[in-house]
Amino acid sequence: MAEFDYDLFVIGAGSGGVRAARTTAATGARVAIAEDRYLGGTCVNVGCVPKKLYSYAAHYHDAFEESAGFGWQLSEAPRFEWATLRDNKIAEIKRLNGIYARLLDNAGVRLINGRAQVVGEHAVEVNGETHTAEKILVAVGGWPWIPDFPGNEHVLDSNRVFDLEEFPRRFLVLGGGYIAVEFASIFNGLGSDTHLVYRGELFLRGFDHEVREFTRDEMAKKGVDLHFETTIEAIEKQADGLAVTLTNGETLVVDAVLSATGRRPHLAGLGLDAFDIALNPDGTIKVNERYETSVPSILALGDVTGGPELTPVALAEAMHMVQHHFTAEPPGPLDYRNIATAVFCHPNIGTVGLSEEAARAECGEIRVYTADFRPMKHTLSGSEERCLMKLVVDDASDRVVGAHMVGEEAGEVIQGIAIAVRAGLSKTDFDATVGIHPTGAEEFVTMRTPSRR
């Protein structure tokens, strides 16, 4: 490999790219990484981290109200200051950016600031300088996409919504995926009059249908105004805000519109089109189990390859890539089954494994166990929020093939349940587990009677 400047050149210093660079360098390889925007990628800067911080902020709205039932009296009404949240978030992200820089430096990885362009099967150009590498890794992630309609220049994307100068008292979200429902909940919780507009009949396509319906009802109870089976026809800027005309004929006047309609691979300007790199039908980069593209020296991983758009997936792929290309014992293919995920809407969703619908198609005969209850906390808080827990069981094997929750800290609860589902534990194993009382989580080991088959 001495004929090249580097053994690995990584394009993109997001979660996957940084993990790949550091782990490869730990094998003794020579590694460089190029980034033209910010260290940590989407997750740290305009994704998971700031979103979760804003979600925490939004939960205080309910907490202040609920505290009265437990004897707390506030001397004056709580007042939310957007600038404080925004600026504290900015400071925290700067701190994390610094950590990423130190991690790369300590690992011996050369960081090059600039947008890289692939100019050869083993060559990359950054800021007019050419670097050669045995292998090139593309880990540039995705970029928000905004639909085309009159007035879409007034629309925010998820990269910009965190840093608004003024807090929008009237807020509209377009979309029906993770980002849409999360930001609808966040801005509703922070005090905005919030609308969610989605072209389908129900948001969160691909999730368990009962979970989707339950989440819809809980979000509506909290005050999110849901508009299904319609979309934006046009936006016109007026003196009193943005007039949003929907395809159902309705017009809403709001202060800000967020388009949360998906992300697409951030491939513009990378030069990959010159190498006829094979793509998937959705425009993402096609790779094999070794993360090789149709040009073997050019690798790709993370969101840009069309898999689950989750930070832990990119991290796992990075570790697998390093094992395949820089160690003596390559692993088997990464198992994408039973990857747990959470949606930080209010209340949260946590899920792992098959939905009820997918389990019926895959397993045939199944048993479904559900618990729909008002959490103990809300017997005094006065809140009408409810919690849903659900287990989906393959009837023939008794194996739990899916676990779902909508409720407070659902992601924290499902992480542990995910280990059991991935391990292939049976409903009998769940039943034999002694619960922790009093917790909501104990419902996962106390559901004995099937709700349906």
Protein backbone atom coordinates (compact mmCIF):
# COMPACT_ATOMS: atom_id res chain seq x y z
CA MET A 1 0.00 0.00 0.00
CA ALA A 2 3.05 2.31 0.14
CA GLU A 3 2.38 3.49 -3.42
CA PHE A 4 -0.54 5.55 -2.05
CA ASP A 5 -0.58 8.51 0.34
CA TYR A 6 -3.14 6.78 2.56
CA ASP A 7 -4.57 3.35 3.11
CA LEU A 8 -8.05 4.86 3.61
CA PHE A 9 -9.41 8.26 2.67
CA VAL A 10 -12.81 9.00 4.22
CA ILE A 11 -15.17 11.58 2.73
CA GLY A 12 -17.54 12.81 5.44
CA ALA A 13 -16.86 13.22 9.16
CA GLY A 14 -20.25 12.14 10.46
CA SER A 15 -20.82 9.29 12.89
CA GLY A 16 -20.00 6.54 10.40
CA GLY A 17 -17.07 8.30 8.79
CA VAL A 18 -15.37 9.24 12.05
CA ARG A 19 -15.83 5.74 13.49
CA ALA A 20 -14.43 4.18 10.32
CA ALA A 21 -11.44 6.54 10.31
CA ARG A 22 -10.56 6.06 13.96
CA THR A 23 -11.01 2.29 13.93
CA THR A 24 -9.02 1.89 10.74
CA ALA A 25 -6.20 4.02 12.15
CA ALA A 26 -6.14 1.78 15.23
CA THR A 27 -5.05 -1.10 12.96
CA GLY A 28 -1.93 0.86 12.01
CA ALA A 29 -3.30 2.09 8.70
CA ARG A 30 -2.70 5.59 7.36
CA VAL A 31 -5.99 7.47 7.34
CA ALA A 32 -7.26 10.90 6.29
CA ILE A 33 -10.78 12.30 6.48
CA ALA A 34 -12.28 15.29 4.66
CA GLU A 35 -15.24 17.34 5.89
CA ASP A 36 -16.58 20.58 4.45
CA ARG A 37 -19.23 21.43 7.01
CA TYR A 38 -19.16 20.22 10.61
CA LEU A 39 -17.67 17.36 12.60
CA GLY A 40 -20.17 14.79 13.80
CA GLY A 41 -22.43 15.03 10.78
CA THR A 42 -26.21 15.24 10.85
CA CYS A 43 -26.62 13.45 14.18
CA VAL A 44 -24.51 15.81 16.26
CA ASN A 45 -25.27 19.07 14.49
CA VAL A 46 -28.77 19.02 12.99
CA GLY A 47 -30.22 15.67 14.01
CA CYS A 48 -30.29 13.36 17.01
CA VAL A 49 -28.50 15.53 19.55
CA PRO A 50 -30.20 18.93 19.12
CA LYS A 51 -33.54 17.22 18.47
CA LYS A 52 -33.34 15.33 21.77
CA LEU A 53 -32.30 18.47 23.64
CA TYR A 54 -35.30 20.33 22.19
CA SER A 55 -37.53 17.38 23.02
CA TYR A 56 -36.39 17.56 26.63
CA ALA A 57 -37.21 21.27 26.63
CA ALA A 58 -40.69 20.64 25.26
CA HIS A 59 -41.48 18.04 27.93
CA TYR A 60 -41.19 20.69 30.65
CA HIS A 61 -44.47 22.20 29.43
CA ASP A 62 -46.35 19.12 30.63
CA ALA A 63 -44.13 18.69 33.69
CA PHE A 64 -44.96 22.14 35.03
CA GLU A 65 -48.69 21.51 34.69
CA GLU A 66 -48.51 18.00 36.13
CA SER A 67 -46.51 19.04 39.18
CA ALA A 68 -49.55 20.72 40.75
CA GLY A 69 -51.15 17.36 41.49
CA PHE A 70 -48.05 16.45 43.50
CA GLY A 71 -48.22 19.56 45.63
CA TRP A 72 -45.97 21.94 43.71
CA GLN A 73 -47.21 25.48 43.30
CA LEU A 74 -45.46 27.84 40.92
CA SER A 75 -45.56 31.47 42.03
CA GLU A 76 -45.94 32.64 38.45
CA ALA A 77 -46.64 31.08 35.07
CA PRO A 78 -43.55 29.46 33.49
CA ARG A 79 -42.10 31.51 30.63
CA PHE A 80 -40.17 29.92 27.77
CA GLU A 81 -37.18 31.75 26.25
CA TRP A 82 -36.33 30.39 22.82
CA ALA A 83 -32.99 32.20 22.63
CA THR A 84 -31.74 30.50 25.81
CA LEU A 85 -32.53 27.02 24.49
CA ARG A 86 -31.13 27.79 21.05
CA ASP A 87 -27.88 29.33 22.29
CA ASN A 88 -27.26 26.66 24.93
CA LYS A 89 -27.76 24.06 22.21
CA ILE A 90 -25.22 25.85 20.01
CA ALA A 91 -22.66 25.82 22.83
CA GLU A 92 -23.19 22.11 23.48
CA ILE A 93 -22.74 21.24 19.81
CA LYS A 94 -19.54 23.28 19.63
CA ARG A 95 -18.30 21.26 22.60
CA LEU A 96 -19.13 18.00 20.78
CA ASN A 97 -17.45 19.25 17.58
CA GLY A 98 -14.29 19.76 19.62
CA ILE A 99 -14.50 16.25 21.04
CA TYR A 100 -14.76 14.78 17.54
CA ALA A 101 -11.71 16.78 16.44
CA ARG A 102 -9.70 15.51 19.41
CA LEU A 103 -10.80 11.92 18.79
CA LEU A 104 -9.50 12.09 15.24
CA ASP A 105 -6.27 13.77 16.28
CA ASN A 106 -5.62 11.29 19.09
CA ALA A 107 -6.21 8.42 16.66
CA GLY A 108 -3.63 9.81 14.25
CA VAL A 109 -6.17 10.61 11.55
CA ARG A 110 -5.43 13.64 9.36
CA LEU A 111 -8.42 15.97 9.17
CA ILE A 112 -8.75 18.01 5.97
CA ASN A 113 -11.33 20.79 5.92
CA GLY A 114 -13.02 20.97 2.52
CA ARG A 115 -15.40 19.26 0.12
CA ALA A 116 -13.70 16.25 -1.41
CA GLN A 117 -14.13 15.14 -5.00
CA VAL A 118 -13.27 11.68 -6.27
CA VAL A 119 -11.02 12.17 -9.31
CA GLY A 120 -9.80 8.61 -9.75
CA GLU A 121 -10.43 5.10 -8.48
CA HIS A 122 -7.66 5.78 -5.94
CA ALA A 123 -7.56 9.58 -5.94
CA VAL A 124 -9.40 12.39 -4.14
CA GLU A 125 -9.04 16.14 -4.59
CA VAL A 126 -9.65 18.61 -1.77
CA ASN A 127 -8.98 22.36 -2.03
CA GLY A 128 -6.99 21.82 -5.22
CA GLU A 129 -4.69 19.19 -3.68
CA THR A 130 -4.80 15.56 -4.83
CA HIS A 131 -4.51 12.69 -2.33
CA THR A 132 -4.18 9.03 -3.28
CA ALA A 133 -5.52 6.12 -1.27
CA GLU A 134 -5.79 2.36 -1.53
CA LYS A 135 -9.46 2.69 -0.59
CA ILE A 136 -11.85 5.64 -0.58
CA LEU A 137 -14.87 5.62 1.75
CA VAL A 138 -17.92 7.73 0.95
CA ALA A 139 -19.83 8.51 4.16
CA VAL A 140 -21.47 11.83 3.32
CA GLY A 141 -24.97 10.99 4.59
CA GLY A 142 -28.12 12.69 3.38
CA TRP A 143 -29.47 16.18 2.80
CA PRO A 144 -33.03 17.46 3.34
CA TRP A 145 -35.30 17.50 0.30
CA ILE A 146 -38.11 20.06 -0.17
CA PRO A 147 -40.96 19.41 -2.62
CA ASP A 148 -41.57 21.78 -5.50
CA PHE A 149 -44.61 24.03 -5.12
CA PRO A 150 -45.26 27.78 -5.42
CA GLY A 151 -43.75 29.55 -2.43
CA ASN A 152 -41.45 26.73 -1.32
CA GLU A 153 -38.65 29.31 -0.92
CA HIS A 154 -40.36 30.26 2.36
CA VAL A 155 -40.01 26.73 3.75
CA LEU A 156 -37.45 25.64 6.35
CA ASP A 157 -35.66 22.31 6.26
CA SER A 158 -34.52 20.30 9.27
CA ASN A 159 -30.98 21.73 8.98
CA ARG A 160 -32.24 25.26 9.67
CA VAL A 161 -35.15 24.82 12.04
CA PHE A 162 -32.99 24.66 15.17
CA ASP A 163 -31.57 28.15 14.80
CA LEU A 164 -34.54 30.42 14.11
CA GLU A 165 -34.09 34.03 15.15
CA GLU A 166 -37.62 34.23 16.54
CA PHE A 167 -39.79 31.54 18.06
CA PRO A 168 -42.76 30.76 15.77
CA ARG A 169 -46.03 31.08 17.67
CA ARG A 170 -47.78 29.37 14.75
CA PHE A 171 -45.93 26.42 13.26
CA LEU A 172 -46.66 23.95 10.46
CA VAL A 173 -44.82 20.72 9.65
CA LEU A 174 -45.14 19.01 6.27
CA GLY A 175 -44.42 15.27 6.33
CA GLY A 176 -45.24 12.03 8.07
CA GLY A 177 -41.96 10.45 9.11
CA TYR A 178 -39.75 10.57 12.21
CA ILE A 179 -38.69 14.20 11.76
CA ALA A 180 -42.21 15.46 11.09
CA VAL A 181 -43.90 13.94 14.12
CA GLU A 182 -40.97 14.79 16.38
CA PHE A 183 -40.90 18.46 15.46
CA ALA A 184 -44.67 18.73 15.60
CA SER A 185 -44.47 17.49 19.19
CA ILE A 186 -41.48 19.68 20.04
CA PHE A 187 -42.94 22.97 18.86
CA ASN A 188 -46.35 22.09 20.30
CA GLY A 189 -44.69 21.42 23.66
CA LEU A 190 -42.72 24.66 23.50
CA GLY A 191 -45.94 26.60 23.03
CA SER A 192 -46.57 26.92 19.31
CA ASP A 193 -50.00 26.50 17.76
CA THR A 194 -48.86 23.48 15.73
CA HIS A 195 -50.18 21.83 12.58
CA LEU A 196 -48.94 18.65 10.91
CA VAL A 197 -49.86 18.13 7.25
CA TYR A 198 -49.38 14.73 5.62
CA ARG A 199 -50.55 13.41 2.29
CA GLY A 200 -51.27 9.90 3.60
CA GLU A 201 -54.11 8.72 5.78
CA LEU A 202 -51.82 8.15 8.77
CA PHE A 203 -48.22 9.08 9.57
CA LEU A 204 -45.21 6.85 10.38
CA ARG A 205 -45.66 4.45 7.48
CA GLY A 206 -43.92 1.14 8.16
CA PHE A 207 -44.52 1.22 11.92
CA ASP A 208 -47.04 -1.03 13.62
CA HIS A 209 -50.52 0.21 12.70
CA GLU A 210 -51.85 0.14 16.25
CA VAL A 211 -48.82 2.17 17.38
CA ARG A 212 -49.50 4.72 14.63
CA GLU A 213 -53.15 5.08 15.60
CA PHE A 214 -52.37 5.34 19.31
CA THR A 215 -49.70 7.99 18.66
CA ARG A 216 -52.10 9.95 16.47
CA ASP A 217 -54.68 10.06 19.25
CA GLU A 218 -52.17 11.01 21.95
CA MET A 219 -50.62 13.79 19.87
CA ALA A 220 -54.06 15.16 19.07
CA LYS A 221 -54.94 15.15 22.78
CA LYS A 222 -51.85 17.27 23.43
CA GLY A 223 -53.04 19.86 20.93
CA VAL A 224 -51.27 19.05 17.65
CA ASP A 225 -53.69 19.81 14.79
CA LEU A 226 -53.37 16.89 12.36
CA HIS A 227 -54.28 17.25 8.68
CA PHE A 228 -54.17 13.92 6.85
CA GLU A 229 -54.78 13.11 3.17
CA THR A 230 -53.75 16.59 2.09
CA THR A 231 -50.57 18.45 1.28
CA ILE A 232 -49.33 21.97 0.55
CA GLU A 233 -50.51 23.48 -2.71
CA ALA A 234 -48.86 26.87 -2.30
CA ILE A 235 -47.41 29.31 0.24
CA GLU A 236 -47.77 33.06 0.03
CA LYS A 237 -45.96 35.51 2.29
CA GLN A 238 -48.31 38.05 3.88
CA ALA A 239 -47.94 40.87 6.38
CA ASP A 240 -49.28 38.64 9.17
CA GLY A 241 -47.34 35.50 8.30
CA LEU A 242 -47.27 32.71 5.71
CA ALA A 243 -50.60 31.79 4.11
CA VAL A 244 -50.44 28.04 3.43
CA THR A 245 -53.03 26.72 1.00
CA LEU A 246 -53.68 22.98 1.25
CA THR A 247 -54.89 20.71 -1.52
CA ASN A 248 -58.14 20.15 0.41
CA GLY A 249 -58.95 23.84 0.00
CA GLU A 250 -58.08 24.86 3.55
CA THR A 251 -55.81 27.86 4.22
CA LEU A 252 -53.68 28.19 7.36
CA VAL A 253 -51.70 31.27 8.39
CA VAL A 254 -48.52 30.43 10.29
CA ASP A 255 -45.16 31.97 11.20
CA ALA A 256 -42.95 29.11 9.99
CA VAL A 257 -43.25 26.02 7.80
CA LEU A 258 -40.91 23.04 8.17
CA SER A 259 -40.62 20.57 5.32
CA ALA A 260 -39.83 17.17 6.82
CA THR A 261 -40.33 15.23 3.63
CA GLY A 262 -37.23 13.08 3.63
CA ARG A 263 -33.51 13.22 2.94
CA ARG A 264 -31.55 12.27 -0.15
CA PRO A 265 -27.90 11.21 -0.56
CA HIS A 266 -25.58 14.22 -0.40
CA LEU A 267 -23.68 13.22 -3.56
CA ALA A 268 -23.62 16.53 -5.43
CA GLY A 269 -20.11 17.50 -6.47
CA LEU A 270 -18.45 14.26 -5.30
CA GLY A 271 -17.58 13.24 -8.85
CA LEU A 272 -18.93 9.70 -8.51
CA ASP A 273 -21.00 10.03 -11.68
CA ALA A 274 -17.78 9.95 -13.70
CA PHE A 275 -17.16 6.37 -12.53
CA ASP A 276 -20.62 5.01 -13.32
CA ILE A 277 -21.10 3.92 -9.70
CA ALA A 278 -24.16 1.64 -9.49
CA LEU A 279 -27.10 3.12 -7.62
CA ASN A 280 -30.19 1.65 -6.00
CA PRO A 281 -33.60 2.58 -7.45
CA ASP A 282 -33.98 5.32 -4.80
CA GLY A 283 -30.71 7.00 -5.82
CA THR A 284 -28.62 5.70 -2.93
CA ILE A 285 -25.28 3.99 -3.54
CA LYS A 286 -25.44 0.24 -4.09
CA VAL A 287 -22.93 -1.72 -1.99
CA ASN A 288 -22.23 -5.37 -1.21
CA GLU A 289 -21.77 -6.87 2.25
CA ARG A 290 -18.18 -5.58 2.29
CA TYR A 291 -19.48 -2.02 1.63
CA GLU A 292 -17.83 -2.01 -1.79
CA THR A 293 -19.48 -0.11 -4.61
CA SER A 294 -19.34 -1.28 -8.23
CA VAL A 295 -15.80 0.19 -8.18
CA PRO A 296 -14.15 -2.06 -5.53
CA SER A 297 -11.68 0.58 -4.30
CA ILE A 298 -14.56 2.99 -3.55
CA LEU A 299 -16.57 2.05 -0.45
CA ALA A 300 -19.71 3.56 1.03
CA LEU A 301 -21.72 3.23 4.23
CA GLY A 302 -24.35 4.97 6.34
CA ASP A 303 -27.38 6.90 5.12
CA VAL A 304 -25.90 7.29 1.65
CA THR A 305 -26.38 3.56 0.98
CA GLY A 306 -30.13 3.47 1.62
CA GLY A 307 -30.20 1.32 4.77
CA PRO A 308 -31.87 2.30 8.06
CA GLU A 309 -31.07 5.98 8.58
CA LEU A 310 -29.93 5.54 12.17
CA THR A 311 -26.65 6.61 13.77
CA PRO A 312 -26.03 3.24 15.49
CA VAL A 313 -26.44 1.50 12.12
CA ALA A 314 -23.77 3.73 10.56
CA LEU A 315 -21.48 2.99 13.52
CA ALA A 316 -22.03 -0.76 13.18
CA GLU A 317 -21.41 -0.59 9.44
CA ALA A 318 -18.17 1.30 10.04
CA MET A 319 -16.92 -1.39 12.40
CA HIS A 320 -17.86 -4.11 9.91
CA MET A 321 -16.17 -2.26 7.06
CA VAL A 322 -12.93 -2.03 9.01
CA GLN A 323 -13.04 -5.73 9.87
CA HIS A 324 -13.61 -6.65 6.23
CA HIS A 325 -10.80 -4.52 4.81
CA PHE A 326 -8.24 -3.95 7.54
CA THR A 327 -8.19 -7.07 9.74
CA ALA A 328 -7.22 -10.69 9.17
CA GLU A 329 -10.60 -12.09 10.23
CA PRO A 330 -13.49 -10.58 8.23
CA PRO A 331 -16.89 -10.88 9.89
CA GLY A 332 -20.09 -12.23 8.43
CA PRO A 333 -22.59 -9.80 6.92
CA LEU A 334 -24.17 -7.30 9.29
CA ASP A 335 -27.56 -8.48 10.54
CA TYR A 336 -30.10 -5.73 9.98
CA ARG A 337 -32.96 -7.63 11.60
CA ASN A 338 -34.36 -6.55 14.95
CA ILE A 339 -32.75 -3.12 15.05
CA ALA A 340 -34.51 -1.11 17.74
CA THR A 341 -35.49 2.48 17.15
CA ALA A 342 -37.26 5.33 18.91
CA VAL A 343 -39.32 8.28 17.75
CA PHE A 344 -39.10 11.23 20.14
CA CYS A 345 -42.59 12.54 19.58
CA HIS A 346 -44.74 13.14 22.66
CA PRO A 347 -45.32 10.56 23.96
CA ASN A 348 -42.25 8.68 22.72
CA ILE A 349 -42.35 5.56 20.57
CA GLY A 350 -39.96 2.65 21.04
CA THR A 351 -40.04 -0.38 18.77
CA VAL A 352 -38.04 -3.47 17.84
CA GLY A 353 -38.75 -6.38 15.56
CA LEU A 354 -41.84 -7.02 13.46
CA SER A 355 -45.04 -5.05 13.44
CA GLU A 356 -48.25 -7.00 13.90
CA GLU A 357 -48.92 -6.70 10.17
CA ALA A 358 -45.45 -7.90 9.17
CA ALA A 359 -45.59 -10.77 11.67
CA ARG A 360 -48.91 -12.00 10.24
CA ALA A 361 -47.36 -12.02 6.76
CA GLU A 362 -44.11 -13.67 7.86
CA CYS A 363 -45.17 -16.04 10.64
CA GLY A 364 -48.77 -16.83 9.82
CA GLU A 365 -50.31 -17.68 13.18
CA ILE A 366 -49.41 -15.14 15.85
CA ARG A 367 -50.51 -14.02 19.29
CA VAL A 368 -50.72 -10.34 20.18
CA TYR A 369 -50.52 -9.09 23.77
CA THR A 370 -51.36 -5.46 24.53
CA ALA A 371 -51.58 -3.23 27.58
CA ASP A 372 -53.24 0.18 27.19
CA PHE A 373 -53.23 2.02 30.50
CA ARG A 374 -52.95 5.33 32.30
CA PRO A 375 -49.52 5.40 33.95
CA MET A 376 -49.38 5.58 37.75
CA LYS A 377 -47.80 9.04 37.55
CA HIS A 378 -50.91 10.46 35.95
CA THR A 379 -53.27 9.30 38.70
CA LEU A 380 -52.10 12.43 40.53
CA SER A 381 -50.82 14.60 37.66
CA GLY A 382 -54.25 14.96 36.13
CA SER A 383 -52.92 14.20 32.65
CA GLU A 384 -55.04 12.02 30.39
CA GLU A 385 -51.96 10.65 28.61
CA ARG A 386 -52.01 6.88 28.18
CA CYS A 387 -49.33 4.29 27.51
CA LEU A 388 -49.40 1.41 25.03
CA MET A 389 -47.24 -1.70 25.29
CA LYS A 390 -47.39 -4.55 22.83
CA LEU A 391 -45.77 -7.92 22.24
CA VAL A 392 -46.12 -9.87 18.99
CA VAL A 393 -45.47 -13.61 19.34
CA ASP A 394 -44.94 -16.30 16.70
CA ASP A 395 -47.51 -18.88 17.77
CA ALA A 396 -45.61 -21.93 16.51
CA SER A 397 -42.28 -21.18 18.21
CA ASP A 398 -43.54 -18.97 21.08
CA ARG A 399 -40.76 -16.52 20.11
CA VAL A 400 -41.35 -12.82 20.70
CA VAL A 401 -40.83 -11.33 17.23
CA GLY A 402 -41.89 -7.75 17.96
CA ALA A 403 -42.13 -5.37 20.91
CA HIS A 404 -43.62 -1.89 20.76
CA MET A 405 -44.28 0.92 23.21
CA VAL A 406 -45.81 4.38 23.11
CA GLY A 407 -45.22 6.23 26.35
CA GLU A 408 -42.79 8.13 28.51
CA GLU A 409 -39.14 7.08 27.96
CA ALA A 410 -40.19 4.39 25.47
CA GLY A 411 -36.75 4.41 23.88
CA GLU A 412 -35.04 3.75 27.19
CA VAL A 413 -37.37 0.82 27.91
CA ILE A 414 -37.20 -0.75 24.46
CA GLN A 415 -33.38 -0.81 24.44
CA GLY A 416 -33.42 -3.57 27.05
CA ILE A 417 -36.32 -5.40 25.43
CA ALA A 418 -34.40 -5.31 22.13
CA ILE A 419 -31.73 -7.59 23.60
CA ALA A 420 -34.36 -10.19 24.43
CA VAL A 421 -36.00 -9.97 21.00
CA ARG A 422 -32.66 -10.22 19.19
CA ALA A 423 -31.69 -13.18 21.38
CA GLY A 424 -34.84 -14.96 20.24
CA LEU A 425 -36.38 -15.30 23.71
CA SER A 426 -39.84 -16.81 23.98
CA LYS A 427 -42.99 -15.46 25.54
CA THR A 428 -42.43 -18.10 28.22
CA ASP A 429 -39.07 -16.45 28.99
CA PHE A 430 -40.79 -13.07 29.30
CA ASP A 431 -43.43 -14.59 31.60
CA ALA A 432 -40.73 -16.17 33.78
CA THR A 433 -39.04 -12.80 34.31
CA VAL A 434 -39.94 -11.13 37.58
CA GLY A 435 -41.02 -7.54 37.02
CA ILE A 436 -39.86 -4.37 38.77
CA HIS A 437 -42.73 -2.84 40.71
CA PRO A 438 -44.11 -0.25 40.45
CA THR A 439 -42.97 0.58 36.93
CA GLY A 440 -44.71 0.80 33.61
CA ALA A 441 -42.01 -1.43 32.11
CA GLU A 442 -43.16 -4.40 34.18
CA GLU A 443 -46.16 -4.69 31.86
CA PHE A 444 -43.83 -6.31 29.33
CA VAL A 445 -43.46 -9.33 31.63
CA THR A 446 -46.97 -9.45 33.11
CA MET A 447 -49.14 -9.64 29.98
CA ARG A 448 -50.59 -13.15 30.13
CA THR A 449 -53.78 -13.15 28.06
CA PRO A 450 -53.60 -12.57 24.30
CA SER A 451 -55.54 -9.57 23.07
CA ARG A 452 -56.05 -11.32 19.74
CA ARG A 453 -54.65 -14.02 17.53
